[in-house]
Amino acid sequence: MSKLREELLAKTSGVRSTAERTPDVSRRAARTETAPGLAGALAVAQMRVQELEAAGGATELPVSAVVPNPWQPRRVFNEDKLTELAESIRESGLLQPIVVRRSETGYQIVAGERRWRAHKLLNREMIKGLVVECSDQDMSVLALMENISRDDLTDYEISLSLRATEREFPNRTRLAEAVGLSRRGLYKYMSFSMLPAFMTRDLDLNPSLLGSNASDAISAAIKKHGDEGVKAAEELWPDLVRGSLDQSKFAGAVTALVSRRHSRATASDRTIDKFFSGKAQAGSITKDVHGFTVKIKAGLLSDAQESRIRQLLSEFFTGDGE
């Protein structure tokens, strides 16, 4: 059985991505997919499932003996759609068997977890399934592609699947080829792994909070500002969760908050002393983290006084340093 990566390269050389079929030049320039492209990878995954389904006849399997694909990316299943699917199965039966492979404890789903979950909702004891031979590499890619084809995954769910799938490939270049992403597009998804734990905890509950572009920008901002960036992000994060701060503006808000805190810290460390000539202010001496500044109003110094000041400064900063 050939590997999915070779099939992708062989079968999708002429398949263009969705963006390439769109005449919008700006959209083409912004896309992350490269040949064979995400659309091509999806097309091959669909063909692969069809090949597996055609490999043998369906048999009745105990629902309790079936477990999800270990590489299943979906964190949240739409309950309304599952209920609709369950009702359809109740009325018309299962039109498309699930695809499974044997495991030590029973069967692992290759394709069809929503159909299996619908059977559980109906309290069915048996489900039609096709038992096939399938490699770990095929399992990992098919789990991702089947979910994309049936119902859009969030970027966070895709990132989790990619990180799990990464173990089945020798490097990220090969992984990017298999799922039809550019390396830059792949690294945007991988940026979720660099987010602080307080973010990923909420993303586990609500994966739609962040897209990959926002995650990439946020992780870069946090990396740039270090601990101060983490503190700023933690303060601002509840606003994003509530919906009062748009995810596309979050990274900029982190940078702005860090900058304001720096400005306040600088202002608090500044001292200004004024000096007078009679009742009129003659000048000031300012000391802060940036330096020590003496300002004297024009016209208040005689030539002799200016010379004395210059001589004094010369004595401070020249000589042998003693």
C-alpha atoms as a PDB file:
ATOM      1  CA  MET A   1       0.000   0.000   0.000  1.00  0.00           C
ATOM      2  CA  SER A   2       1.572   3.275  -1.108  1.00  0.00           C
ATOM      3  CA  LYS A   3       1.976   6.109   1.354  1.00  0.00           C
ATOM      4  CA  LEU A   4      -0.300   9.120   1.209  1.00  0.00           C
ATOM      5  CA  ARG A   5       2.586  11.513   0.620  1.00  0.00           C
ATOM      6  CA  GLU A   6       3.608   9.759  -2.610  1.00  0.00           C
ATOM      7  CA  GLU A   7      -0.029   9.705  -3.696  1.00  0.00           C
ATOM      8  CA  LEU A   8      -0.334  13.416  -3.055  1.00  0.00           C
ATOM      9  CA  LEU A   9       2.640  14.210  -5.243  1.00  0.00           C
ATOM     10  CA  ALA A  10       1.569  11.792  -7.981  1.00  0.00           C
ATOM     11  CA  LYS A  11      -2.156  12.557  -8.123  1.00  0.00           C
ATOM     12  CA  THR A  12      -2.392  16.279  -7.519  1.00  0.00           C
ATOM     13  CA  SER A  13       0.139  17.768  -9.893  1.00  0.00           C
ATOM     14  CA  GLY A  14      -2.714  19.179 -11.968  1.00  0.00           C
ATOM     15  CA  VAL A  15      -5.048  20.076  -9.113  1.00  0.00           C
ATOM     16  CA  ARG A  16      -5.159  23.764  -8.303  1.00  0.00           C
ATOM     17  CA  SER A  17      -6.018  25.141  -4.905  1.00  0.00           C
ATOM     18  CA  THR A  18      -9.262  27.033  -4.307  1.00  0.00           C
ATOM     19  CA  ALA A  19      -7.338  30.316  -4.209  1.00  0.00           C
ATOM     20  CA  GLU A  20      -5.725  29.615  -7.584  1.00  0.00           C
ATOM     21  CA  ARG A  21      -9.158  29.138  -9.145  1.00  0.00           C
ATOM     22  CA  THR A  22     -10.209  32.582  -7.887  1.00  0.00           C
ATOM     23  CA  PRO A  23      -9.420  35.609 -10.096  1.00  0.00           C
ATOM     24  CA  ASP A  24      -8.875  37.816  -7.042  1.00  0.00           C
ATOM     25  CA  VAL A  25      -5.155  38.634  -7.257  1.00  0.00           C
ATOM     26  CA  SER A  26      -4.910  39.931  -3.682  1.00  0.00           C
ATOM     27  CA  ARG A  27      -6.376  36.689  -2.347  1.00  0.00           C
ATOM     28  CA  ARG A  28      -3.881  34.649  -4.385  1.00  0.00           C
ATOM     29  CA  ALA A  29      -1.025  36.683  -2.976  1.00  0.00           C
ATOM     30  CA  ALA A  30      -2.197  36.139   0.594  1.00  0.00           C
ATOM     31  CA  ARG A  31      -2.864  32.411   0.446  1.00  0.00           C
ATOM     32  CA  THR A  32      -0.658  29.993   2.354  1.00  0.00           C
ATOM     33  CA  GLU A  33      -1.266  26.917   0.193  1.00  0.00           C
ATOM     34  CA  THR A  34       1.334  25.807  -2.350  1.00  0.00           C
ATOM     35  CA  ALA A  35       1.318  22.925  -4.820  1.00  0.00           C
ATOM     36  CA  PRO A  36      -0.144  20.405  -4.429  1.00  0.00           C
ATOM     37  CA  GLY A  37      -2.176  22.754  -2.236  1.00  0.00           C
ATOM     38  CA  LEU A  38      -4.691  22.151   0.489  1.00  0.00           C
ATOM     39  CA  ALA A  39      -7.435  21.558  -2.071  1.00  0.00           C
ATOM     40  CA  GLY A  40      -5.254  18.977  -3.800  1.00  0.00           C
ATOM     41  CA  ALA A  41      -4.421  17.251  -0.524  1.00  0.00           C
ATOM     42  CA  LEU A  42      -8.103  17.148   0.328  1.00  0.00           C
ATOM     43  CA  ALA A  43      -8.977  15.690  -3.069  1.00  0.00           C
ATOM     44  CA  VAL A  44      -6.397  12.926  -2.655  1.00  0.00           C
ATOM     45  CA  ALA A  45      -7.567  12.165   0.874  1.00  0.00           C
ATOM     46  CA  GLN A  46     -11.099  11.752  -0.453  1.00  0.00           C
ATOM     47  CA  MET A  47      -9.848   9.426  -3.188  1.00  0.00           C
ATOM     48  CA  ARG A  48      -7.882   7.484  -0.603  1.00  0.00           C
ATOM     49  CA  VAL A  49     -10.985   6.928   1.538  1.00  0.00           C
ATOM     50  CA  GLN A  50     -12.876   5.790  -1.569  1.00  0.00           C
ATOM     51  CA  GLU A  51     -10.082   3.330  -2.359  1.00  0.00           C
ATOM     52  CA  LEU A  52     -10.210   1.978   1.184  1.00  0.00           C
ATOM     53  CA  GLU A  53     -13.989   1.629   1.001  1.00  0.00           C
ATOM     54  CA  ALA A  54     -13.705  -0.251  -2.295  1.00  0.00           C
ATOM     55  CA  ALA A  55     -11.112  -2.634  -0.869  1.00  0.00           C
ATOM     56  CA  GLY A  56     -13.594  -4.910   0.856  1.00  0.00           C
ATOM     57  CA  GLY A  57     -17.182  -5.509   1.883  1.00  0.00           C
ATOM     58  CA  ALA A  58     -18.804  -3.994   4.928  1.00  0.00           C
ATOM     59  CA  THR A  59     -19.327  -6.018   8.076  1.00  0.00           C
ATOM     60  CA  GLU A  60     -21.258  -5.456  11.287  1.00  0.00           C
ATOM     61  CA  LEU A  61     -19.038  -4.209  14.136  1.00  0.00           C
ATOM     62  CA  PRO A  62     -19.893  -3.672  17.816  1.00  0.00           C
ATOM     63  CA  VAL A  63     -20.174   0.055  18.463  1.00  0.00           C
ATOM     64  CA  SER A  64     -18.510  -0.487  21.853  1.00  0.00           C
ATOM     65  CA  ALA A  65     -15.437  -2.040  20.196  1.00  0.00           C
ATOM     66  CA  VAL A  66     -14.803   1.038  18.047  1.00  0.00           C
ATOM     67  CA  VAL A  67     -12.711   4.004  19.246  1.00  0.00           C
ATOM     68  CA  PRO A  68     -11.943   7.343  17.564  1.00  0.00           C
ATOM     69  CA  ASN A  69      -8.908   7.928  15.391  1.00  0.00           C
ATOM     70  CA  PRO A  70      -6.032   8.777  17.791  1.00  0.00           C
ATOM     71  CA  TRP A  71      -5.203  11.684  15.482  1.00  0.00           C
ATOM     72  CA  GLN A  72      -8.759  13.071  15.527  1.00  0.00           C
ATOM     73  CA  PRO A  73      -8.353  16.864  15.391  1.00  0.00           C
ATOM     74  CA  ARG A  74     -11.897  17.913  16.269  1.00  0.00           C
ATOM     75  CA  ARG A  75     -12.307  19.197  19.831  1.00  0.00           C
ATOM     76  CA  VAL A  76     -15.960  20.174  19.576  1.00  0.00           C
ATOM     77  CA  PHE A  77     -18.668  18.285  17.671  1.00  0.00           C
ATOM     78  CA  ASN A  78     -21.756  20.198  16.594  1.00  0.00           C
ATOM     79  CA  GLU A  79     -24.525  18.571  18.613  1.00  0.00           C
ATOM     80  CA  ASP A  80     -27.316  19.830  16.349  1.00  0.00           C
ATOM     81  CA  LYS A  81     -25.648  18.354  13.258  1.00  0.00           C
ATOM     82  CA  LEU A  82     -24.988  15.091  15.072  1.00  0.00           C
ATOM     83  CA  THR A  83     -28.665  14.929  16.023  1.00  0.00           C
ATOM     84  CA  GLU A  84     -29.676  15.578  12.404  1.00  0.00           C
ATOM     85  CA  LEU A  85     -27.339  12.824  11.236  1.00  0.00           C
ATOM     86  CA  ALA A  86     -28.699  10.441  13.874  1.00  0.00           C
ATOM     87  CA  GLU A  87     -32.273  11.109  12.732  1.00  0.00           C
ATOM     88  CA  SER A  88     -31.264  10.519   9.112  1.00  0.00           C
ATOM     89  CA  ILE A  89     -29.686   7.192  10.083  1.00  0.00           C
ATOM     90  CA  ARG A  90     -32.785   6.255  12.087  1.00  0.00           C
ATOM     91  CA  GLU A  91     -35.007   6.908   9.061  1.00  0.00           C
ATOM     92  CA  SER A  92     -32.849   5.694   6.166  1.00  0.00           C
ATOM     93  CA  GLY A  93     -30.125   3.602   7.742  1.00  0.00           C
ATOM     94  CA  LEU A  94     -26.376   4.077   7.402  1.00  0.00           C
ATOM     95  CA  LEU A  95     -25.730   4.774   3.727  1.00  0.00           C
ATOM     96  CA  GLN A  96     -21.929   4.916   4.002  1.00  0.00           C
ATOM     97  CA  PRO A  97     -20.112   2.458   6.306  1.00  0.00           C
ATOM     98  CA  ILE A  98     -17.371   3.758   8.559  1.00  0.00           C
ATOM     99  CA  VAL A  99     -13.774   2.765   7.773  1.00  0.00           C
ATOM    100  CA  VAL A 100     -11.712   1.218  10.589  1.00  0.00           C
ATOM    101  CA  ARG A 101      -8.451  -0.596  11.176  1.00  0.00           C
ATOM    102  CA  ARG A 102      -7.764  -3.273  13.753  1.00  0.00           C
ATOM    103  CA  SER A 103      -6.133  -2.323  17.054  1.00  0.00           C
ATOM    104  CA  GLU A 104      -5.076  -4.247  20.147  1.00  0.00           C
ATOM    105  CA  THR A 105      -8.396  -3.560  21.863  1.00  0.00           C
ATOM    106  CA  GLY A 106     -10.767  -3.526  18.885  1.00  0.00           C
ATOM    107  CA  TYR A 107     -10.994  -1.057  16.022  1.00  0.00           C
ATOM    108  CA  GLN A 108      -9.775   2.491  15.382  1.00  0.00           C
ATOM    109  CA  ILE A 109     -11.785   4.765  13.112  1.00  0.00           C
ATOM    110  CA  VAL A 110     -10.039   5.755   9.892  1.00  0.00           C
ATOM    111  CA  ALA A 111     -13.020   7.722   8.564  1.00  0.00           C
ATOM    112  CA  GLY A 112     -16.547   8.234   9.875  1.00  0.00           C
ATOM    113  CA  GLU A 113     -16.404   9.320  13.507  1.00  0.00           C
ATOM    114  CA  ARG A 114     -19.537  11.466  13.181  1.00  0.00           C
ATOM    115  CA  ARG A 115     -21.462   8.433  11.908  1.00  0.00           C
ATOM    116  CA  TRP A 116     -20.157   6.389  14.841  1.00  0.00           C
ATOM    117  CA  ARG A 117     -21.142   9.101  17.331  1.00  0.00           C
ATOM    118  CA  ALA A 118     -24.608   9.277  15.763  1.00  0.00           C
ATOM    119  CA  HIS A 119     -24.988   5.528  16.345  1.00  0.00           C
ATOM    120  CA  LYS A 120     -24.088   6.058  19.994  1.00  0.00           C
ATOM    121  CA  LEU A 121     -26.783   8.751  20.249  1.00  0.00           C
ATOM    122  CA  LEU A 122     -29.273   6.205  18.887  1.00  0.00           C
ATOM    123  CA  ASN A 123     -28.003   3.577  21.367  1.00  0.00           C
ATOM    124  CA  ARG A 124     -27.262   1.242  18.459  1.00  0.00           C
ATOM    125  CA  GLU A 125     -25.171  -1.790  19.369  1.00  0.00           C
ATOM    126  CA  MET A 126     -23.812  -2.509  15.878  1.00  0.00           C
ATOM    127  CA  ILE A 127     -22.507  -0.383  13.009  1.00  0.00           C
ATOM    128  CA  LYS A 128     -21.538  -1.202   9.433  1.00  0.00           C
ATOM    129  CA  GLY A 129     -17.797  -0.894   8.933  1.00  0.00           C
ATOM    130  CA  LEU A 130     -15.027  -1.663   6.481  1.00  0.00           C
ATOM    131  CA  VAL A 131     -11.922  -3.161   8.094  1.00  0.00           C
ATOM    132  CA  VAL A 132      -8.788  -2.095   6.198  1.00  0.00           C
ATOM    133  CA  GLU A 133      -5.020  -1.983   6.549  1.00  0.00           C
ATOM    134  CA  CYS A 134      -3.888   1.594   7.107  1.00  0.00           C
ATOM    135  CA  SER A 135      -0.547   3.045   8.205  1.00  0.00           C
ATOM    136  CA  ASP A 136      -0.134   5.550  11.033  1.00  0.00           C
ATOM    137  CA  GLN A 137       0.920   8.154   8.484  1.00  0.00           C
ATOM    138  CA  ASP A 138      -2.221   7.623   6.410  1.00  0.00           C
ATOM    139  CA  MET A 139      -4.372   7.640   9.558  1.00  0.00           C
ATOM    140  CA  SER A 140      -2.994  10.984  10.726  1.00  0.00           C
ATOM    141  CA  VAL A 141      -3.465  12.777   7.405  1.00  0.00           C
ATOM    142  CA  LEU A 142      -6.857  11.229   6.649  1.00  0.00           C
ATOM    143  CA  ALA A 143      -8.201  12.259  10.073  1.00  0.00           C
ATOM    144  CA  LEU A 144      -7.384  15.871   9.302  1.00  0.00           C
ATOM    145  CA  MET A 145      -8.609  15.845   5.716  1.00  0.00           C
ATOM    146  CA  GLU A 146     -11.858  14.011   6.371  1.00  0.00           C
ATOM    147  CA  ASN A 147     -12.865  16.570   8.982  1.00  0.00           C
ATOM    148  CA  ILE A 148     -12.019  19.485   6.699  1.00  0.00           C
ATOM    149  CA  SER A 149     -14.116  17.930   3.925  1.00  0.00           C
ATOM    150  CA  ARG A 150     -17.210  17.343   6.087  1.00  0.00           C
ATOM    151  CA  ASP A 151     -17.297  20.370   8.357  1.00  0.00           C
ATOM    152  CA  ASP A 152     -14.786  23.214   8.719  1.00  0.00           C
ATOM    153  CA  LEU A 153     -12.296  22.768  11.499  1.00  0.00           C
ATOM    154  CA  THR A 154     -10.997  25.732  13.475  1.00  0.00           C
ATOM    155  CA  ASP A 155      -7.358  26.679  13.003  1.00  0.00           C
ATOM    156  CA  TYR A 156      -6.628  25.617  16.569  1.00  0.00           C
ATOM    157  CA  GLU A 157      -8.012  22.128  15.940  1.00  0.00           C
ATOM    158  CA  ILE A 158      -5.970  21.886  12.746  1.00  0.00           C
ATOM    159  CA  SER A 159      -2.866  22.911  14.699  1.00  0.00           C
ATOM    160  CA  LEU A 160      -3.415  20.143  17.263  1.00  0.00           C
ATOM    161  CA  SER A 161      -3.826  17.608  14.484  1.00  0.00           C
ATOM    162  CA  LEU A 162      -0.711  18.834  12.701  1.00  0.00           C
ATOM    163  CA  ARG A 163       1.344  18.585  15.888  1.00  0.00           C
ATOM    164  CA  ALA A 164       0.137  15.016  16.427  1.00  0.00           C
ATOM    165  CA  THR A 165       0.668  14.170  12.750  1.00  0.00           C
ATOM    166  CA  GLU A 166       4.179  15.630  12.831  1.00  0.00           C
ATOM    167  CA  ARG A 167       5.437  12.547  14.678  1.00  0.00           C
ATOM    168  CA  GLU A 168       4.635  10.425  11.636  1.00  0.00           C
ATOM    169  CA  PHE A 169       6.874  12.447   9.291  1.00  0.00           C
ATOM    170  CA  PRO A 170      10.667  12.846   9.279  1.00  0.00           C
ATOM    171  CA  ASN A 171      10.514  16.651   9.145  1.00  0.00           C
ATOM    172  CA  ARG A 172       8.144  19.574   8.724  1.00  0.00           C
ATOM    173  CA  THR A 173       8.938  19.977   5.037  1.00  0.00           C
ATOM    174  CA  ARG A 174       7.548  16.509   4.348  1.00  0.00           C
ATOM    175  CA  LEU A 175       4.544  17.218   6.565  1.00  0.00           C
ATOM    176  CA  ALA A 176       3.836  20.480   4.718  1.00  0.00           C
ATOM    177  CA  GLU A 177       3.913  18.598   1.406  1.00  0.00           C
ATOM    178  CA  ALA A 178       1.504  15.955   2.692  1.00  0.00           C
ATOM    179  CA  VAL A 179      -1.153  18.409   3.846  1.00  0.00           C
ATOM    180  CA  GLY A 180      -0.669  20.883   1.003  1.00  0.00           C
ATOM    181  CA  LEU A 181       0.662  23.850   2.974  1.00  0.00           C
ATOM    182  CA  SER A 182       3.615  26.137   2.444  1.00  0.00           C
ATOM    183  CA  ARG A 183       6.205  26.034   5.223  1.00  0.00           C
ATOM    184  CA  ARG A 184       5.078  29.528   6.268  1.00  0.00           C
ATOM    185  CA  GLY A 185       1.469  28.387   6.384  1.00  0.00           C
ATOM    186  CA  LEU A 186       2.456  25.352   8.427  1.00  0.00           C
ATOM    187  CA  TYR A 187       4.395  27.460  10.929  1.00  0.00           C
ATOM    188  CA  LYS A 188       1.387  29.747  11.409  1.00  0.00           C
ATOM    189  CA  TYR A 189      -0.603  26.736  12.593  1.00  0.00           C
ATOM    190  CA  MET A 190       2.314  25.599  14.756  1.00  0.00           C
ATOM    191  CA  SER A 191       2.390  29.015  16.469  1.00  0.00           C
ATOM    192  CA  PHE A 192      -0.495  27.890  18.710  1.00  0.00           C
ATOM    193  CA  SER A 193       1.983  25.687  20.568  1.00  0.00           C
ATOM    194  CA  MET A 194       3.925  28.799  21.634  1.00  0.00           C
ATOM    195  CA  LEU A 195       0.945  30.519  23.277  1.00  0.00           C
ATOM    196  CA  PRO A 196       0.757  30.711  27.101  1.00  0.00           C
ATOM    197  CA  ALA A 197      -1.187  28.027  28.961  1.00  0.00           C
ATOM    198  CA  PHE A 198      -3.983  30.427  30.011  1.00  0.00           C
ATOM    199  CA  MET A 199      -4.788  30.886  26.301  1.00  0.00           C
ATOM    200  CA  THR A 200      -4.663  27.233  25.297  1.00  0.00           C
ATOM    201  CA  ARG A 201      -6.897  26.267  28.229  1.00  0.00           C
ATOM    202  CA  ASP A 202      -9.625  28.519  26.835  1.00  0.00           C
ATOM    203  CA  LEU A 203      -8.938  27.385  23.276  1.00  0.00           C
ATOM    204  CA  ASP A 204      -9.507  23.784  24.366  1.00  0.00           C
ATOM    205  CA  LEU A 205     -13.006  24.840  25.423  1.00  0.00           C
ATOM    206  CA  ASN A 206     -13.655  27.252  22.542  1.00  0.00           C
ATOM    207  CA  PRO A 207     -11.301  26.548  19.600  1.00  0.00           C
ATOM    208  CA  SER A 208     -12.764  29.385  17.525  1.00  0.00           C
ATOM    209  CA  LEU A 209     -11.303  32.143  19.744  1.00  0.00           C
ATOM    210  CA  LEU A 210      -8.192  32.535  17.579  1.00  0.00           C
ATOM    211  CA  GLY A 211      -7.230  31.978  13.958  1.00  0.00           C
ATOM    212  CA  SER A 212      -3.730  31.049  12.842  1.00  0.00           C
ATOM    213  CA  ASN A 213      -2.857  34.581  11.640  1.00  0.00           C
ATOM    214  CA  ALA A 214      -3.766  36.074  15.024  1.00  0.00           C
ATOM    215  CA  SER A 215      -1.957  33.286  16.872  1.00  0.00           C
ATOM    216  CA  ASP A 216       1.182  33.878  14.809  1.00  0.00           C
ATOM    217  CA  ALA A 217       1.122  37.624  15.532  1.00  0.00           C
ATOM    218  CA  ILE A 218       0.412  37.134  19.246  1.00  0.00           C
ATOM    219  CA  SER A 219       3.168  34.569  19.751  1.00  0.00           C
ATOM    220  CA  ALA A 220       5.620  36.913  17.976  1.00  0.00           C
ATOM    221  CA  ALA A 221       4.588  39.858  20.183  1.00  0.00           C
ATOM    222  CA  ILE A 222       4.941  37.807  23.357  1.00  0.00           C
ATOM    223  CA  LYS A 223       8.334  36.509  22.269  1.00  0.00           C
ATOM    224  CA  LYS A 224       9.521  40.059  21.539  1.00  0.00           C
ATOM    225  CA  HIS A 225       8.470  41.454  24.912  1.00  0.00           C
ATOM    226  CA  GLY A 226       9.248  38.421  27.096  1.00  0.00           C
ATOM    227  CA  ASP A 227       7.705  38.282  30.567  1.00  0.00           C
ATOM    228  CA  GLU A 228       6.220  41.750  30.147  1.00  0.00           C
ATOM    229  CA  GLY A 229       4.485  40.532  26.987  1.00  0.00           C
ATOM    230  CA  VAL A 230       3.032  37.537  28.834  1.00  0.00           C
ATOM    231  CA  LYS A 231       1.717  39.793  31.639  1.00  0.00           C
ATOM    232  CA  ALA A 232       0.160  42.200  29.147  1.00  0.00           C
ATOM    233  CA  ALA A 233      -1.427  39.334  27.203  1.00  0.00           C
ATOM    234  CA  GLU A 234      -2.864  37.835  30.389  1.00  0.00           C
ATOM    235  CA  GLU A 235      -4.416  41.173  31.325  1.00  0.00           C
ATOM    236  CA  LEU A 236      -5.951  41.651  27.862  1.00  0.00           C
ATOM    237  CA  TRP A 237      -7.030  38.055  27.198  1.00  0.00           C
ATOM    238  CA  PRO A 238     -10.393  38.254  29.058  1.00  0.00           C
ATOM    239  CA  ASP A 239     -11.389  41.096  26.699  1.00  0.00           C
ATOM    240  CA  LEU A 240     -10.811  38.835  23.703  1.00  0.00           C
ATOM    241  CA  VAL A 241     -12.727  35.950  25.304  1.00  0.00           C
ATOM    242  CA  ARG A 242     -15.675  38.287  26.002  1.00  0.00           C
ATOM    243  CA  GLY A 243     -15.563  39.569  22.437  1.00  0.00           C
ATOM    244  CA  SER A 244     -14.726  43.187  23.312  1.00  0.00           C
ATOM    245  CA  LEU A 245     -11.237  42.943  21.744  1.00  0.00           C
ATOM    246  CA  ASP A 246     -10.895  41.644  18.189  1.00  0.00           C
ATOM    247  CA  GLN A 247      -8.336  38.888  17.748  1.00  0.00           C
ATOM    248  CA  SER A 248      -6.686  40.752  14.859  1.00  0.00           C
ATOM    249  CA  LYS A 249      -5.923  43.677  17.188  1.00  0.00           C
ATOM    250  CA  PHE A 250      -4.720  41.633  20.156  1.00  0.00           C
ATOM    251  CA  ALA A 251      -0.989  41.552  19.284  1.00  0.00           C
ATOM    252  CA  GLY A 252      -0.962  45.327  18.745  1.00  0.00           C
ATOM    253  CA  ALA A 253      -2.750  45.818  22.052  1.00  0.00           C
ATOM    254  CA  VAL A 254      -0.085  43.739  23.825  1.00  0.00           C
ATOM    255  CA  THR A 255       2.697  45.880  22.357  1.00  0.00           C
ATOM    256  CA  ALA A 256       0.844  49.099  23.200  1.00  0.00           C
ATOM    257  CA  LEU A 257       0.270  48.044  26.815  1.00  0.00           C
ATOM    258  CA  VAL A 258       3.933  47.089  27.281  1.00  0.00           C
ATOM    259  CA  SER A 259       4.972  50.482  25.824  1.00  0.00           C
ATOM    260  CA  ARG A 260       2.615  52.384  28.152  1.00  0.00           C
ATOM    261  CA  ARG A 261       4.016  50.569  31.143  1.00  0.00           C
ATOM    262  CA  HIS A 262       7.553  51.433  30.064  1.00  0.00           C
ATOM    263  CA  SER A 263       6.562  55.086  29.707  1.00  0.00           C
ATOM    264  CA  ARG A 264       4.980  55.144  33.169  1.00  0.00           C
ATOM    265  CA  ALA A 265       8.053  53.491  34.679  1.00  0.00           C
ATOM    266  CA  THR A 266      10.322  56.032  33.022  1.00  0.00           C
ATOM    267  CA  ALA A 267       8.184  58.928  34.230  1.00  0.00           C
ATOM    268  CA  SER A 268       8.183  57.644  37.804  1.00  0.00           C
ATOM    269  CA  ASP A 269      11.999  57.487  37.817  1.00  0.00           C
ATOM    270  CA  ARG A 270      12.421  61.058  36.549  1.00  0.00           C
ATOM    271  CA  THR A 271      13.423  63.926  38.863  1.00  0.00           C
ATOM    272  CA  ILE A 272      13.405  67.607  37.875  1.00  0.00           C
ATOM    273  CA  ASP A 273      15.065  70.330  39.955  1.00  0.00           C
ATOM    274  CA  LYS A 274      14.601  73.972  39.048  1.00  0.00           C
ATOM    275  CA  PHE A 275      17.007  76.774  39.875  1.00  0.00           C
ATOM    276  CA  PHE A 276      16.389  80.513  39.881  1.00  0.00           C
ATOM    277  CA  SER A 277      18.048  83.844  39.280  1.00  0.00           C
ATOM    278  CA  GLY A 278      16.260  86.052  41.758  1.00  0.00           C
ATOM    279  CA  LYS A 279      12.564  85.217  41.387  1.00  0.00           C
ATOM    280  CA  ALA A 280      12.830  84.134  37.748  1.00  0.00           C
ATOM    281  CA  GLN A 281      13.531  80.517  36.792  1.00  0.00           C
ATOM    282  CA  ALA A 282      16.967  80.317  35.244  1.00  0.00           C
ATOM    283  CA  GLY A 283      16.874  76.653  34.233  1.00  0.00           C
ATOM    284  CA  SER A 284      16.417  73.037  35.365  1.00  0.00           C
ATOM    285  CA  ILE A 285      18.265  69.807  36.018  1.00  0.00           C
ATOM    286  CA  THR A 286      16.524  66.599  34.851  1.00  0.00           C
ATOM    287  CA  LYS A 287      17.631  63.076  35.763  1.00  0.00           C
ATOM    288  CA  ASP A 288      15.980  59.881  34.423  1.00  0.00           C
ATOM    289  CA  VAL A 289      16.965  56.499  33.032  1.00  0.00           C
ATOM    290  CA  HIS A 290      18.112  58.147  29.805  1.00  0.00           C
ATOM    291  CA  GLY A 291      20.518  60.683  31.262  1.00  0.00           C
ATOM    292  CA  PHE A 292      21.331  63.813  33.279  1.00  0.00           C
ATOM    293  CA  THR A 293      20.316  67.058  31.557  1.00  0.00           C
ATOM    294  CA  VAL A 294      21.056  70.667  32.551  1.00  0.00           C
ATOM    295  CA  LYS A 295      19.076  73.420  30.823  1.00  0.00           C
ATOM    296  CA  ILE A 296      19.878  77.136  31.265  1.00  0.00           C
ATOM    297  CA  LYS A 297      17.770  79.843  29.663  1.00  0.00           C
ATOM    298  CA  ALA A 298      19.460  81.752  26.867  1.00  0.00           C
ATOM    299  CA  GLY A 299      21.005  85.101  27.823  1.00  0.00           C
ATOM    300  CA  LEU A 300      21.452  84.335  31.515  1.00  0.00           C
ATOM    301  CA  LEU A 301      25.108  83.266  31.282  1.00  0.00           C
ATOM    302  CA  SER A 302      27.991  85.636  30.762  1.00  0.00           C
ATOM    303  CA  ASP A 303      30.905  84.543  28.588  1.00  0.00           C
ATOM    304  CA  ALA A 304      32.990  84.057  31.723  1.00  0.00           C
ATOM    305  CA  GLN A 305      30.322  81.843  33.381  1.00  0.00           C
ATOM    306  CA  GLU A 306      29.956  79.735  30.251  1.00  0.00           C
ATOM    307  CA  SER A 307      33.713  79.249  30.150  1.00  0.00           C
ATOM    308  CA  ARG A 308      33.750  78.163  33.790  1.00  0.00           C
ATOM    309  CA  ILE A 309      31.017  75.555  33.134  1.00  0.00           C
ATOM    310  CA  ARG A 310      32.851  74.215  30.113  1.00  0.00           C
ATOM    311  CA  GLN A 311      36.060  74.008  32.121  1.00  0.00           C
ATOM    312  CA  LEU A 312      34.304  72.129  34.914  1.00  0.00           C
ATOM    313  CA  LEU A 313      32.832  69.580  32.468  1.00  0.00           C
ATOM    314  CA  SER A 314      36.225  69.144  30.904  1.00  0.00           C
ATOM    315  CA  GLU A 315      37.704  68.331  34.304  1.00  0.00           C
ATOM    316  CA  PHE A 316      34.942  65.757  34.978  1.00  0.00           C
ATOM    317  CA  PHE A 317      35.376  63.761  31.783  1.00  0.00           C
ATOM    318  CA  THR A 318      39.070  64.066  30.860  1.00  0.00           C
ATOM    319  CA  GLY A 319      42.273  63.012  32.555  1.00  0.00           C
ATOM    320  CA  ASP A 320      43.380  59.648  33.949  1.00  0.00           C
ATOM    321  CA  GLY A 321      40.009  58.842  35.546  1.00  0.00           C
ATOM    322  CA  GLU A 322      41.158  59.317  39.167  1.00  0.00           C
END
